[in-house]
Amino acid sequence: MPKPPSRTLKTFSILRLLWGAALLSAAPPVLLAAPPAVGQPAPPLSLRQLDGREFDLAKLRGTVLLVNVWATWCSPCRVEMPTLDAFYRRYHSRGLDVLGLSIDEAPDVAQVRQVMRQFSYPAALASAARVNGFGEPIAVPITYVIDARGVIRAELQAEGPSGVSRQALERAVLPLLARKGR
C-alpha cells in the first residue's frame, strides 16, 4: 500500500499553487490573452506607426490586411521581408495593406527604422501600442491574414529559412481580394 504524502509535502504543494496563482494574477493582461485564432474576428490593435501616422485595425474594414509580426534580430523575419514588400507593392492598389509589427524594444526603434527604410509598407513597434489584442507571439515571424470584414483567415509562419513564400501569400490573400472586389 502506498504511503500517504507527508504533511510537509502537502503544504509545499499548496504553497506552490498559491504562488503560481499570485504570479498569474500579477501578470500583464497580454500574457493572459489567448492568441488570435483563424476564423475569429481580429483582435483590436491601435498604435502610432513609425512614420507618425495612426493605425487602428478597427478602422480598416473593407481592406485585406497582413499583420506581420517580426523582430530585427530574427533571421527568417528579415529574409521574408522582401517577399512581403513585393507582394504589398503588387497588390496594394487592389485593396491590400500590410503592417510590420516589430516586437523589438522601444530603445531599438532606430534599428527598426533602419531596417524598414528598405521597404514600402508601414511598420510600428508593438511596445508602442495603446491596444494590442495580438499579445506576445509564440514565435516570429508570423503573419496574420485578415479579410475585409476583419476576420482572421490565415496564420502564416516561416517555411524554413526563407520565411513565408509568395505562393503561400497568394493562396491566402488572392481569394480574399477577389471577394472584396465583388
C-alpha atoms as a PDB file:
ATOM      1  CA  MET A   1       0.000   0.000   0.000  1.00  0.00           C
ATOM      2  CA  PRO A   2       1.432   3.388  -0.984  1.00  0.00           C
ATOM      3  CA  LYS A   3       2.473   5.665   1.808  1.00  0.00           C
ATOM      4  CA  PRO A   4       0.326   8.848   2.081  1.00  0.00           C
ATOM      5  CA  PRO A   5       2.117  12.101   1.283  1.00  0.00           C
ATOM      6  CA  SER A   6       3.648  13.806   4.239  1.00  0.00           C
ATOM      7  CA  ARG A   7       2.077  16.898   5.692  1.00  0.00           C
ATOM      8  CA  THR A   8       5.143  18.913   4.630  1.00  0.00           C
ATOM      9  CA  LEU A   9       4.747  17.785   1.020  1.00  0.00           C
ATOM     10  CA  LYS A  10       1.041  18.725   1.036  1.00  0.00           C
ATOM     11  CA  THR A  11       1.863  22.143   2.492  1.00  0.00           C
ATOM     12  CA  PHE A  12       4.600  22.659  -0.096  1.00  0.00           C
ATOM     13  CA  SER A  13       2.205  21.737  -2.951  1.00  0.00           C
ATOM     14  CA  ILE A  14      -0.459  24.129  -1.685  1.00  0.00           C
ATOM     15  CA  LEU A  15       2.081  26.945  -1.316  1.00  0.00           C
ATOM     16  CA  ARG A  16       3.334  26.284  -4.849  1.00  0.00           C
ATOM     17  CA  LEU A  17      -0.203  26.503  -6.232  1.00  0.00           C
ATOM     18  CA  LEU A  18      -0.841  29.739  -4.354  1.00  0.00           C
ATOM     19  CA  TRP A  19       2.444  31.209  -5.567  1.00  0.00           C
ATOM     20  CA  GLY A  20       1.552  30.319  -9.187  1.00  0.00           C
ATOM     21  CA  ALA A  21      -1.893  31.902  -8.806  1.00  0.00           C
ATOM     22  CA  ALA A  22      -0.319  35.054  -7.378  1.00  0.00           C
ATOM     23  CA  LEU A  23       2.112  35.288 -10.297  1.00  0.00           C
ATOM     24  CA  LEU A  24      -0.690  34.868 -12.835  1.00  0.00           C
ATOM     25  CA  SER A  25      -2.844  37.493 -11.160  1.00  0.00           C
ATOM     26  CA  ALA A  26       0.061  39.958 -11.342  1.00  0.00           C
ATOM     27  CA  ALA A  27       0.862  39.129 -14.985  1.00  0.00           C
ATOM     28  CA  PRO A  28       0.138  41.740 -17.633  1.00  0.00           C
ATOM     29  CA  PRO A  29      -3.156  41.057 -19.433  1.00  0.00           C
ATOM     30  CA  VAL A  30      -1.285  40.429 -22.689  1.00  0.00           C
ATOM     31  CA  LEU A  31       0.214  37.279 -21.163  1.00  0.00           C
ATOM     32  CA  LEU A  32      -3.194  36.003 -20.181  1.00  0.00           C
ATOM     33  CA  ALA A  33      -4.922  36.630 -23.514  1.00  0.00           C
ATOM     34  CA  ALA A  34      -5.465  33.776 -25.924  1.00  0.00           C
ATOM     35  CA  PRO A  35      -3.564  34.135 -29.189  1.00  0.00           C
ATOM     36  CA  PRO A  36      -5.543  35.260 -32.247  1.00  0.00           C
ATOM     37  CA  ALA A  37      -7.304  32.353 -33.955  1.00  0.00           C
ATOM     38  CA  VAL A  38      -8.159  31.686 -37.584  1.00  0.00           C
ATOM     39  CA  GLY A  39     -11.887  32.137 -38.176  1.00  0.00           C
ATOM     40  CA  GLN A  40     -12.260  34.623 -35.319  1.00  0.00           C
ATOM     41  CA  PRO A  41     -12.502  38.424 -35.527  1.00  0.00           C
ATOM     42  CA  ALA A  42      -9.101  40.068 -35.461  1.00  0.00           C
ATOM     43  CA  PRO A  43      -8.263  41.445 -32.023  1.00  0.00           C
ATOM     44  CA  PRO A  44      -8.001  45.191 -31.512  1.00  0.00           C
ATOM     45  CA  LEU A  45      -4.756  46.880 -32.478  1.00  0.00           C
ATOM     46  CA  SER A  46      -4.239  50.612 -32.125  1.00  0.00           C
ATOM     47  CA  LEU A  47      -0.865  52.362 -32.286  1.00  0.00           C
ATOM     48  CA  ARG A  48       1.284  55.022 -33.855  1.00  0.00           C
ATOM     49  CA  GLN A  49       3.312  53.816 -36.844  1.00  0.00           C
ATOM     50  CA  LEU A  50       6.998  54.647 -37.235  1.00  0.00           C
ATOM     51  CA  ASP A  51       6.062  57.391 -39.708  1.00  0.00           C
ATOM     52  CA  GLY A  52       3.826  59.036 -37.066  1.00  0.00           C
ATOM     53  CA  ARG A  53       0.502  58.079 -38.643  1.00  0.00           C
ATOM     54  CA  GLU A  54      -2.173  56.457 -36.522  1.00  0.00           C
ATOM     55  CA  PHE A  55      -3.102  52.832 -37.135  1.00  0.00           C
ATOM     56  CA  ASP A  56      -6.391  51.405 -35.888  1.00  0.00           C
ATOM     57  CA  LEU A  57      -7.266  47.962 -37.182  1.00  0.00           C
ATOM     58  CA  ALA A  58     -10.965  48.519 -36.472  1.00  0.00           C
ATOM     59  CA  LYS A  59     -10.999  51.398 -38.989  1.00  0.00           C
ATOM     60  CA  LEU A  60      -9.607  49.226 -41.794  1.00  0.00           C
ATOM     61  CA  ARG A  61     -12.807  47.316 -42.542  1.00  0.00           C
ATOM     62  CA  GLY A  62     -13.081  46.893 -46.286  1.00  0.00           C
ATOM     63  CA  THR A  63      -9.331  46.283 -46.619  1.00  0.00           C
ATOM     64  CA  VAL A  64      -7.490  42.960 -46.677  1.00  0.00           C
ATOM     65  CA  LEU A  65      -4.648  43.264 -44.186  1.00  0.00           C
ATOM     66  CA  LEU A  66      -1.467  41.361 -43.383  1.00  0.00           C
ATOM     67  CA  VAL A  67      -0.090  41.895 -39.885  1.00  0.00           C
ATOM     68  CA  ASN A  68       3.468  40.607 -39.974  1.00  0.00           C
ATOM     69  CA  VAL A  69       4.967  40.174 -36.501  1.00  0.00           C
ATOM     70  CA  TRP A  70       8.758  40.336 -36.716  1.00  0.00           C
ATOM     71  CA  ALA A  71      11.986  41.408 -34.992  1.00  0.00           C
ATOM     72  CA  THR A  72      15.291  42.865 -36.183  1.00  0.00           C
ATOM     73  CA  TRP A  73      17.222  40.001 -34.565  1.00  0.00           C
ATOM     74  CA  CYS A  74      15.115  37.311 -36.315  1.00  0.00           C
ATOM     75  CA  SER A  75      16.852  35.974 -39.452  1.00  0.00           C
ATOM     76  CA  PRO A  76      13.757  34.349 -41.045  1.00  0.00           C
ATOM     77  CA  CYS A  77      11.875  37.606 -40.423  1.00  0.00           C
ATOM     78  CA  ARG A  78      14.470  39.639 -42.288  1.00  0.00           C
ATOM     79  CA  VAL A  79      14.669  37.115 -45.128  1.00  0.00           C
ATOM     80  CA  GLU A  80      10.898  37.146 -45.787  1.00  0.00           C
ATOM     81  CA  MET A  81      10.512  40.939 -45.682  1.00  0.00           C
ATOM     82  CA  PRO A  82      11.456  41.490 -49.374  1.00  0.00           C
ATOM     83  CA  THR A  83       8.775  38.931 -50.337  1.00  0.00           C
ATOM     84  CA  LEU A  84       6.188  40.753 -48.210  1.00  0.00           C
ATOM     85  CA  ASP A  85       7.249  44.088 -49.683  1.00  0.00           C
ATOM     86  CA  ALA A  86       6.995  42.869 -53.287  1.00  0.00           C
ATOM     87  CA  PHE A  87       3.574  41.360 -52.535  1.00  0.00           C
ATOM     88  CA  TYR A  88       2.410  44.607 -50.916  1.00  0.00           C
ATOM     89  CA  ARG A  89       3.607  46.722 -53.862  1.00  0.00           C
ATOM     90  CA  ARG A  90       1.914  44.389 -56.350  1.00  0.00           C
ATOM     91  CA  TYR A  91      -1.473  44.154 -54.597  1.00  0.00           C
ATOM     92  CA  HIS A  92      -1.811  47.387 -52.609  1.00  0.00           C
ATOM     93  CA  SER A  93      -3.810  49.041 -55.387  1.00  0.00           C
ATOM     94  CA  ARG A  94      -6.284  46.113 -55.217  1.00  0.00           C
ATOM     95  CA  GLY A  95      -7.027  46.695 -51.525  1.00  0.00           C
ATOM     96  CA  LEU A  96      -4.170  45.005 -49.664  1.00  0.00           C
ATOM     97  CA  ASP A  97      -2.451  46.644 -46.722  1.00  0.00           C
ATOM     98  CA  VAL A  98       0.467  45.354 -44.672  1.00  0.00           C
ATOM     99  CA  LEU A  99       1.674  46.334 -41.219  1.00  0.00           C
ATOM    100  CA  GLY A 100       5.073  45.202 -39.984  1.00  0.00           C
ATOM    101  CA  LEU A 101       4.613  44.861 -36.218  1.00  0.00           C
ATOM    102  CA  SER A 102       8.064  44.730 -34.635  1.00  0.00           C
ATOM    103  CA  ILE A 103       8.434  43.129 -31.211  1.00  0.00           C
ATOM    104  CA  ASP A 104      11.757  44.901 -30.672  1.00  0.00           C
ATOM    105  CA  GLU A 105      12.010  47.001 -27.520  1.00  0.00           C
ATOM    106  CA  ALA A 106      11.415  50.764 -27.645  1.00  0.00           C
ATOM    107  CA  PRO A 107      15.156  51.598 -27.257  1.00  0.00           C
ATOM    108  CA  ASP A 108      15.747  49.679 -30.524  1.00  0.00           C
ATOM    109  CA  VAL A 109      13.465  51.937 -32.592  1.00  0.00           C
ATOM    110  CA  ALA A 110      16.421  53.375 -34.571  1.00  0.00           C
ATOM    111  CA  GLN A 111      17.407  49.875 -35.669  1.00  0.00           C
ATOM    112  CA  VAL A 112      13.789  49.083 -36.622  1.00  0.00           C
ATOM    113  CA  ARG A 113      13.589  52.312 -38.640  1.00  0.00           C
ATOM    114  CA  GLN A 114      16.873  51.453 -40.390  1.00  0.00           C
ATOM    115  CA  VAL A 115      15.548  48.039 -41.456  1.00  0.00           C
ATOM    116  CA  MET A 116      12.212  49.456 -42.617  1.00  0.00           C
ATOM    117  CA  ARG A 117      13.867  52.083 -44.878  1.00  0.00           C
ATOM    118  CA  GLN A 118      14.290  49.263 -47.415  1.00  0.00           C
ATOM    119  CA  PHE A 119      10.558  48.522 -47.570  1.00  0.00           C
ATOM    120  CA  SER A 120       7.454  50.379 -48.699  1.00  0.00           C
ATOM    121  CA  TYR A 121       4.889  49.002 -46.246  1.00  0.00           C
ATOM    122  CA  PRO A 122       4.337  50.707 -42.871  1.00  0.00           C
ATOM    123  CA  ALA A 123       5.665  49.420 -39.572  1.00  0.00           C
ATOM    124  CA  ALA A 124       5.255  50.020 -35.865  1.00  0.00           C
ATOM    125  CA  LEU A 125       6.608  48.835 -32.540  1.00  0.00           C
ATOM    126  CA  ALA A 126       4.280  46.513 -30.635  1.00  0.00           C
ATOM    127  CA  SER A 127       5.537  48.116 -27.422  1.00  0.00           C
ATOM    128  CA  ALA A 128       4.091  51.456 -28.617  1.00  0.00           C
ATOM    129  CA  ALA A 129       0.565  50.073 -28.941  1.00  0.00           C
ATOM    130  CA  ARG A 130      -2.214  51.674 -26.952  1.00  0.00           C
ATOM    131  CA  VAL A 131      -4.204  48.481 -27.536  1.00  0.00           C
ATOM    132  CA  ASN A 132      -2.637  45.209 -28.720  1.00  0.00           C
ATOM    133  CA  GLY A 133      -5.012  42.261 -28.649  1.00  0.00           C
ATOM    134  CA  PHE A 134      -2.473  40.196 -30.601  1.00  0.00           C
ATOM    135  CA  GLY A 135      -0.356  39.866 -27.448  1.00  0.00           C
ATOM    136  CA  GLU A 136       3.072  38.301 -27.336  1.00  0.00           C
ATOM    137  CA  PRO A 137       3.720  35.960 -30.260  1.00  0.00           C
ATOM    138  CA  ILE A 138       4.722  32.379 -29.567  1.00  0.00           C
ATOM    139  CA  ALA A 139       7.292  32.644 -32.363  1.00  0.00           C
ATOM    140  CA  VAL A 140       8.381  35.075 -35.072  1.00  0.00           C
ATOM    141  CA  PRO A 141       7.885  35.620 -37.889  1.00  0.00           C
ATOM    142  CA  ILE A 142       4.161  35.146 -38.023  1.00  0.00           C
ATOM    143  CA  THR A 143       1.765  36.791 -40.455  1.00  0.00           C
ATOM    144  CA  TYR A 144      -1.962  37.115 -39.833  1.00  0.00           C
ATOM    145  CA  VAL A 145      -4.171  37.424 -42.912  1.00  0.00           C
ATOM    146  CA  ILE A 146      -7.286  39.467 -42.107  1.00  0.00           C
ATOM    147  CA  ASP A 147     -10.174  39.726 -44.553  1.00  0.00           C
ATOM    148  CA  ALA A 148     -12.159  42.853 -45.454  1.00  0.00           C
ATOM    149  CA  ARG A 149     -14.692  42.084 -42.695  1.00  0.00           C
ATOM    150  CA  GLY A 150     -11.983  41.936 -40.028  1.00  0.00           C
ATOM    151  CA  VAL A 151     -11.822  38.149 -39.626  1.00  0.00           C
ATOM    152  CA  ILE A 152      -8.503  36.290 -39.402  1.00  0.00           C
ATOM    153  CA  ARG A 153      -8.439  33.939 -42.404  1.00  0.00           C
ATOM    154  CA  ALA A 154      -4.907  32.529 -42.141  1.00  0.00           C
ATOM    155  CA  GLU A 155      -1.850  32.423 -39.935  1.00  0.00           C
ATOM    156  CA  LEU A 156       1.318  32.075 -41.990  1.00  0.00           C
ATOM    157  CA  GLN A 157       4.608  31.055 -40.462  1.00  0.00           C
ATOM    158  CA  ALA A 158       8.082  30.858 -41.935  1.00  0.00           C
ATOM    159  CA  GLU A 159       8.562  28.000 -44.358  1.00  0.00           C
ATOM    160  CA  GLY A 160      12.144  27.210 -43.435  1.00  0.00           C
ATOM    161  CA  PRO A 161      14.970  29.741 -43.530  1.00  0.00           C
ATOM    162  CA  SER A 162      13.434  31.748 -46.386  1.00  0.00           C
ATOM    163  CA  GLY A 163      10.308  32.766 -44.483  1.00  0.00           C
ATOM    164  CA  VAL A 164       6.813  32.885 -45.947  1.00  0.00           C
ATOM    165  CA  SER A 165       6.668  32.265 -49.696  1.00  0.00           C
ATOM    166  CA  ARG A 166       4.965  34.278 -52.416  1.00  0.00           C
ATOM    167  CA  GLN A 167       2.895  31.179 -53.195  1.00  0.00           C
ATOM    168  CA  ALA A 168       1.631  30.921 -49.607  1.00  0.00           C
ATOM    169  CA  LEU A 169       0.709  34.614 -49.676  1.00  0.00           C
ATOM    170  CA  GLU A 170      -1.095  34.200 -52.991  1.00  0.00           C
ATOM    171  CA  ARG A 171      -3.069  31.175 -51.727  1.00  0.00           C
ATOM    172  CA  ALA A 172      -4.156  33.021 -48.580  1.00  0.00           C
ATOM    173  CA  VAL A 173      -4.709  36.534 -49.920  1.00  0.00           C
ATOM    174  CA  LEU A 174      -5.771  36.483 -53.567  1.00  0.00           C
ATOM    175  CA  PRO A 175      -9.150  34.788 -52.930  1.00  0.00           C
ATOM    176  CA  LEU A 176      -9.874  37.485 -50.322  1.00  0.00           C
ATOM    177  CA  LEU A 177      -9.016  40.270 -52.749  1.00  0.00           C
ATOM    178  CA  ALA A 178     -11.238  38.635 -55.403  1.00  0.00           C
ATOM    179  CA  ARG A 179     -14.175  38.510 -52.928  1.00  0.00           C
ATOM    180  CA  LYS A 180     -13.538  42.093 -51.873  1.00  0.00           C
ATOM    181  CA  GLY A 181     -13.957  43.275 -55.469  1.00  0.00           C
ATOM    182  CA  ARG A 182     -17.494  41.813 -55.729  1.00  0.00           C
END
